[in-house]
Amino acid sequence: MTRFLFMIPLILCASGASAQQPGHDACARDVTRFCRPVMNNGDQAVLACLKEHRARLSKACDKVLTEHGQ
């Protein structure tokens, strides 16, 4: 679970955006809910999972991804 807490900021950094706590908080629940099986497969796998479930993401997480060009 600890590793999970650092994944969203790393994903946003990998996409060329700055890591910000609000982005992490906005997507933390969605990652746990939809992407738990791929959490240990790396940041890009989690990002791909979030994109796969885009229609089901919270508005806050969707907004963060959109703001970061995802």
Protein backbone atom coordinates (compact mmCIF):
# COMPACT_ATOMS: atom_id res chain seq x y z
CA MET A 1 0.00 0.00 0.00
CA THR A 2 2.88 2.35 0.74
CA ARG A 3 4.18 1.97 -2.79
CA PHE A 4 0.74 2.94 -4.08
CA LEU A 5 0.87 6.25 -2.24
CA PHE A 6 3.81 7.34 -4.39
CA MET A 7 2.56 6.07 -7.75
CA ILE A 8 0.28 8.89 -8.87
CA PRO A 9 2.88 11.65 -8.47
CA LEU A 10 5.35 9.46 -10.34
CA ILE A 11 2.85 8.88 -13.12
CA LEU A 12 2.29 12.60 -13.45
CA CYS A 13 6.06 13.21 -13.53
CA ALA A 14 6.49 10.54 -16.18
CA SER A 15 3.91 12.32 -18.30
CA GLY A 16 5.92 15.54 -18.12
CA ALA A 17 3.85 17.20 -15.43
CA SER A 18 4.89 18.29 -12.00
CA ALA A 19 3.89 16.02 -9.14
CA GLN A 20 1.37 17.66 -6.89
CA GLN A 21 -0.36 16.25 -3.84
CA PRO A 22 -3.88 17.24 -5.02
CA GLY A 23 -3.44 15.06 -8.12
CA HIS A 24 -2.40 12.14 -5.99
CA ASP A 25 -5.34 12.61 -3.66
CA ALA A 26 -7.78 12.96 -6.55
CA CYS A 27 -6.82 9.63 -8.13
CA ALA A 28 -5.83 7.54 -5.12
CA ARG A 29 -9.28 6.04 -4.64
CA ASP A 30 -9.71 5.36 -8.38
CA VAL A 31 -6.36 3.57 -8.56
CA THR A 32 -7.30 1.41 -5.59
CA ARG A 33 -10.74 0.73 -7.02
CA PHE A 34 -9.95 0.01 -10.67
CA CYS A 35 -6.23 -0.64 -10.95
CA ARG A 36 -5.26 -2.71 -7.93
CA PRO A 37 -4.21 -5.71 -10.10
CA VAL A 38 -1.62 -3.62 -11.97
CA MET A 39 -0.33 -1.48 -9.10
CA ASN A 40 2.93 -3.46 -8.94
CA ASN A 41 3.47 -3.37 -12.70
CA GLY A 42 4.82 0.17 -12.80
CA ASP A 43 3.54 3.66 -13.22
CA GLN A 44 2.79 3.38 -16.92
CA ALA A 45 0.59 0.32 -16.28
CA VAL A 46 -1.40 2.27 -13.69
CA LEU A 47 -1.75 5.22 -16.03
CA ALA A 48 -2.94 2.91 -18.82
CA CYS A 49 -5.43 1.35 -16.41
CA LEU A 50 -6.80 4.75 -15.42
CA LYS A 51 -7.21 5.61 -19.09
CA GLU A 52 -9.04 2.30 -19.69
CA HIS A 53 -11.50 3.17 -16.94
CA ARG A 54 -11.77 6.84 -17.89
CA ALA A 55 -15.57 6.82 -18.07
CA ARG A 56 -15.80 5.46 -14.53
CA LEU A 57 -13.21 7.71 -12.85
CA SER A 58 -14.16 10.35 -10.34
CA LYS A 59 -14.53 13.84 -11.77
CA ALA A 60 -11.52 15.01 -9.76
CA CYS A 61 -9.23 12.30 -11.11
CA ASP A 62 -10.47 12.79 -14.67
CA LYS A 63 -9.76 16.51 -14.31
CA VAL A 64 -6.21 15.85 -13.07
CA LEU A 65 -5.48 13.52 -15.97
CA THR A 66 -6.90 16.02 -18.45
CA GLU A 67 -4.88 18.87 -16.95
CA HIS A 68 -1.74 16.75 -17.38
CA GLY A 69 -2.42 15.90 -21.00
CA GLN A 70 -3.57 12.36 -20.42
